[in-house]
Protein backbone atom coordinates (compact mmCIF):
# COMPACT_ATOMS: atom_id res chain seq x y z
CA MET A 1 -33.51 -10.45 -5.44
CA LYS A 2 -35.84 -11.24 -2.55
CA ARG A 3 -35.80 -12.99 0.80
CA LEU A 4 -32.03 -12.92 1.20
CA ALA A 5 -31.88 -11.72 4.79
CA SER A 6 -31.40 -15.26 6.10
CA VAL A 7 -28.44 -16.03 3.84
CA LEU A 8 -26.54 -12.78 3.37
CA GLY A 9 -24.71 -13.34 6.66
CA LEU A 10 -23.04 -16.37 5.10
CA LEU A 11 -20.83 -14.07 3.03
CA ALA A 12 -18.43 -13.35 5.89
CA PHE A 13 -16.48 -16.54 6.40
CA GLY A 14 -12.73 -17.14 6.45
CA LEU A 15 -10.41 -20.08 6.00
CA LEU A 16 -8.81 -21.06 9.32
CA ILE A 17 -5.43 -22.67 9.83
CA ALA A 18 -5.48 -26.24 11.22
CA GLY A 19 -5.14 -26.75 14.95
CA CYS A 20 -6.79 -23.54 16.17
CA ALA A 21 -10.05 -25.03 17.49
CA SER A 22 -11.09 -27.45 20.20
CA PHE A 23 -12.36 -30.93 19.29
CA ALA A 24 -15.98 -29.80 19.71
CA LYS A 25 -15.49 -26.59 17.76
CA ARG A 26 -13.99 -28.61 14.91
CA LEU A 27 -17.57 -29.85 14.47
CA GLU A 28 -16.56 -33.50 14.48
CA VAL A 29 -19.37 -36.03 13.93
CA SER A 30 -18.91 -37.48 17.42
CA SER A 31 -19.50 -34.04 18.97
CA VAL A 32 -22.37 -32.93 16.73
CA SER A 33 -24.21 -36.25 17.23
CA LYS A 34 -24.99 -35.18 20.81
CA ILE A 35 -27.48 -32.66 19.43
CA GLN A 36 -30.92 -34.25 19.15
CA PRO A 37 -33.87 -32.37 17.60
CA ALA A 38 -36.90 -32.00 19.91
CA THR A 39 -34.64 -32.69 22.91
CA THR A 40 -31.46 -30.60 22.98
CA THR A 41 -31.76 -27.00 24.21
CA ARG A 42 -29.96 -23.92 23.03
CA ALA A 43 -28.22 -23.62 26.40
CA GLU A 44 -26.81 -27.13 25.99
CA VAL A 45 -25.60 -26.43 22.45
CA GLU A 46 -23.82 -23.24 23.52
CA ALA A 47 -22.25 -25.02 26.49
CA TRP A 48 -20.75 -27.52 24.06
CA PHE A 49 -19.93 -25.34 21.05
CA GLY A 50 -19.96 -21.76 22.30
CA HIS A 51 -21.80 -18.93 20.60
CA PRO A 52 -22.60 -19.44 16.91
CA LYS A 53 -20.88 -17.57 14.12
CA GLU A 54 -24.27 -16.40 12.81
CA THR A 55 -27.70 -15.93 14.36
CA VAL A 56 -30.75 -15.08 12.23
CA LEU A 57 -34.23 -14.41 13.67
CA ASN A 58 -37.12 -14.47 11.20
CA SER A 59 -40.62 -13.00 11.42
CA SER A 60 -42.19 -16.29 12.56
CA GLY A 61 -40.10 -16.31 15.73
CA LYS A 62 -37.75 -19.07 14.55
CA THR A 63 -34.01 -18.64 15.16
CA VAL A 64 -31.42 -20.18 12.84
CA VAL A 65 -27.80 -20.39 13.98
CA ARG A 66 -24.74 -21.51 12.08
CA TYR A 67 -21.36 -22.76 13.25
CA PHE A 68 -18.40 -23.03 10.86
CA PHE A 69 -15.04 -24.76 10.91
CA ARG A 70 -12.48 -24.38 8.12
CA GLU A 71 -8.87 -25.47 7.75
CA PHE A 72 -6.18 -26.00 5.16
CA GLN A 73 -5.07 -29.62 4.84
CA PRO A 74 -1.69 -29.99 3.10
CA SER A 75 -1.23 -32.72 0.51
CA THR A 76 0.42 -35.92 1.71
CA ASP A 77 1.16 -37.24 -1.78
CA VAL A 78 4.66 -38.76 -2.01
CA SER A 79 5.32 -37.04 -5.33
CA TRP A 80 6.85 -33.56 -5.02
CA ASN A 81 5.41 -32.68 -8.43
CA VAL A 82 1.86 -33.48 -7.30
CA ARG A 83 2.32 -31.56 -4.03
CA HIS A 84 3.65 -28.57 -5.99
CA PHE A 85 0.66 -28.28 -8.34
CA GLU A 86 -1.96 -29.65 -5.90
CA PRO A 87 -0.71 -28.42 -2.51
CA GLY A 88 -3.73 -29.43 -0.48
CA GLN A 89 -7.41 -28.89 0.12
CA ILE A 90 -9.81 -26.81 2.19
CA LEU A 91 -11.94 -28.66 4.73
CA PHE A 92 -15.19 -26.78 5.36
CA ARG A 93 -17.73 -27.92 7.98
CA THR A 94 -21.07 -26.27 8.71
CA LEU A 95 -23.53 -26.94 11.54
CA THR A 96 -26.94 -25.31 11.12
CA LEU A 97 -29.63 -25.42 13.81
CA ARG A 98 -33.14 -24.00 14.03
CA TYR A 99 -34.66 -23.22 17.43
CA GLY A 100 -38.34 -22.81 18.20
CA ALA A 101 -39.90 -20.35 20.63
CA SER A 102 -38.90 -22.61 23.54
CA ASN A 103 -35.23 -22.61 22.45
CA VAL A 104 -35.23 -26.34 21.72
CA VAL A 105 -33.56 -27.60 18.53
CA GLU A 106 -36.19 -28.21 15.84
CA GLN A 107 -33.96 -28.85 12.81
CA LYS A 108 -30.31 -29.78 12.40
CA LEU A 109 -27.93 -30.10 9.45
CA HIS A 110 -24.26 -31.05 9.68
CA ASP A 111 -22.30 -30.72 6.43
CA GLN A 112 -18.70 -31.23 5.31
CA SER A 113 -16.88 -30.57 2.04
CA LEU A 114 -13.34 -30.76 0.68
CA THR A 115 -12.20 -28.27 -1.97
CA PRO A 116 -8.87 -28.95 -3.72
CA ILE A 117 -6.35 -26.15 -4.14
CA HIS A 118 -4.52 -25.93 -7.47
CA ARG A 119 -1.36 -24.05 -8.42
CA THR A 120 -0.77 -22.58 -11.89
CA ASN A 121 2.59 -20.80 -12.05
CA ALA A 122 2.44 -18.21 -9.24
CA TRP A 123 -1.34 -18.47 -8.82
CA PHE A 124 -3.38 -20.58 -6.42
CA SER A 125 -7.07 -21.27 -6.95
CA ALA A 126 -9.83 -23.24 -5.26
CA GLY A 127 -13.46 -23.80 -6.20
CA PRO A 128 -15.32 -23.75 -9.53
CA GLY A 129 -14.02 -20.38 -10.82
CA LEU A 130 -17.22 -18.40 -10.43
CA THR A 131 -17.78 -15.38 -12.66
CA PRO A 132 -20.80 -13.18 -13.45
CA GLU A 133 -21.01 -14.94 -16.82
CA SER A 134 -21.01 -18.41 -15.25
CA VAL A 135 -24.25 -17.78 -13.34
CA THR A 136 -26.32 -16.32 -16.19
CA PHE A 137 -28.04 -19.69 -16.76
CA ILE A 138 -29.72 -19.46 -13.32
CA LYS A 139 -33.44 -18.66 -13.49
CA THR A 140 -35.67 -18.56 -10.41
CA ASP A 141 -38.56 -21.04 -10.40
CA SER A 142 -36.97 -22.81 -13.36
CA THR A 143 -33.36 -23.92 -12.79
CA LYS A 144 -33.03 -27.18 -10.87
CA GLU A 145 -30.58 -28.07 -8.11
CA ALA A 146 -29.13 -30.84 -10.29
CA GLU A 147 -28.29 -28.30 -13.00
CA ALA A 148 -26.33 -26.13 -10.57
CA VAL A 149 -24.40 -29.13 -9.20
CA ALA A 150 -23.64 -30.30 -12.74
CA ARG A 151 -22.20 -26.85 -13.56
CA PHE A 152 -20.26 -26.14 -10.36
CA GLY A 153 -19.69 -29.52 -8.72
CA ALA A 154 -20.53 -30.36 -5.12
CA PRO A 155 -21.27 -27.22 -3.05
CA SER A 156 -18.86 -25.91 -0.44
CA SER A 157 -21.66 -25.88 2.13
CA ARG A 158 -25.24 -27.05 2.59
CA THR A 159 -27.38 -25.21 5.11
CA PHE A 160 -30.99 -23.94 5.36
CA ASP A 161 -32.80 -20.65 5.89
CA GLY A 162 -35.31 -19.58 8.55
CA GLU A 163 -38.13 -21.47 6.85
CA GLY A 164 -36.10 -24.67 6.58
CA ARG A 165 -35.51 -24.28 2.84
CA PRO A 166 -32.23 -25.78 1.52
CA VAL A 167 -29.41 -23.32 0.81
CA LEU A 168 -26.36 -24.36 -1.23
CA ILE A 169 -23.17 -22.29 -1.21
CA TRP A 170 -20.17 -22.34 -3.53
CA PHE A 171 -17.03 -20.25 -3.18
CA SER A 172 -14.03 -19.74 -5.42
CA VAL A 173 -10.71 -18.21 -4.42
CA LYS A 174 -7.80 -17.02 -6.54
CA THR A 175 -4.62 -15.39 -5.31
CA ARG A 176 -0.89 -15.17 -5.80
CA GLN A 177 1.37 -17.20 -3.56
CA THR A 178 2.49 -14.08 -1.69
CA SER A 179 -0.96 -12.54 -1.11
CA TRP A 180 -3.23 -15.05 0.66
CA SER A 181 -4.24 -12.24 3.00
CA ASP A 182 -5.89 -10.40 0.08
CA PRO A 183 -7.46 -13.03 -2.20
CA ASP A 184 -10.01 -12.57 -4.96
CA ILE A 185 -13.19 -14.28 -3.71
CA GLN A 186 -16.54 -15.06 -5.29
CA LYS A 187 -19.54 -16.70 -3.62
CA LEU A 188 -22.75 -18.08 -5.01
CA MET A 189 -25.73 -18.91 -2.76
CA LEU A 190 -28.84 -20.65 -4.02
CA VAL A 191 -32.10 -21.08 -2.09
CA PHE A 192 -34.32 -23.97 -3.20
CA ASP A 193 -38.00 -24.75 -2.79
CA GLU A 194 -39.66 -28.12 -2.14
CA ARG A 195 -39.48 -28.90 -5.88
CA HIS A 196 -35.67 -28.49 -5.86
CA LEU A 197 -36.04 -25.41 -8.06
CA ILE A 198 -34.08 -22.23 -7.34
CA ARG A 199 -36.28 -19.88 -5.33
CA ASP A 200 -33.69 -17.14 -4.91
CA PHE A 201 -29.96 -16.59 -5.41
CA VAL A 202 -27.15 -14.14 -4.88
CA PHE A 203 -23.71 -13.89 -6.50
CA VAL A 204 -21.14 -11.71 -4.75
CA GLU A 205 -17.59 -10.71 -5.56
CA HIS A 206 -15.68 -9.36 -2.59
CA ALA A 207 -12.62 -9.81 -0.41
CA PRO A 208 -13.70 -9.73 3.27
CA SER A 209 -11.16 -8.43 5.74
CA GLU A 210 -11.77 -11.40 8.03
CA PHE A 211 -10.51 -13.85 5.38
CA GLU A 212 -7.46 -15.06 7.25
CA PRO A 213 -4.19 -15.94 5.47
CA LEU A 214 -4.08 -19.49 4.14
CA MET A 215 -0.56 -20.87 4.48
CA VAL A 216 0.40 -22.80 1.33
CA HIS A 217 3.98 -23.70 0.53
């Protein structure tokens, strides 16, 4: 697989517990709307949001940075039975910015997704249940974005690479109730061209140490 340098850094993300970030670092729309392409500088962005989670510099001198915010949102359903089997959802926000040589924002993408968490006996799961077999239909320069969304549902995150190409990310998590600190995690990242065909992809199974415990009761 080629040209993955700009997206491999996306593998290392965790799920954060609610209430551990400032209003700006929660990547709320009202905060992110202050960033204006062709006007806002990198110094201004970092004054508002701090240093990004990821910084990628490509060969053309463009810098792409990504900010993430994640939290568990417990279910508020009045039915105990619903709360037991559907205990909540994962809120995932991504802010992606590309800077030019003058460190002024050239491109901006703010994305948000909600991924339900399901309980089956002692197991919790979230996401489309990715497996090596589930991605065998993907063919570069052939498979369309719509086909991937039809298979896996809405992506967990939309971002872009150093050339401005769209990148869609899905994750799936499975774990026992007592072991959220050591979940089974899969991630799928797809890079698309201007025709909305898959240009490149990577599927990874791993359990990163920085995946923080997700408190579900």
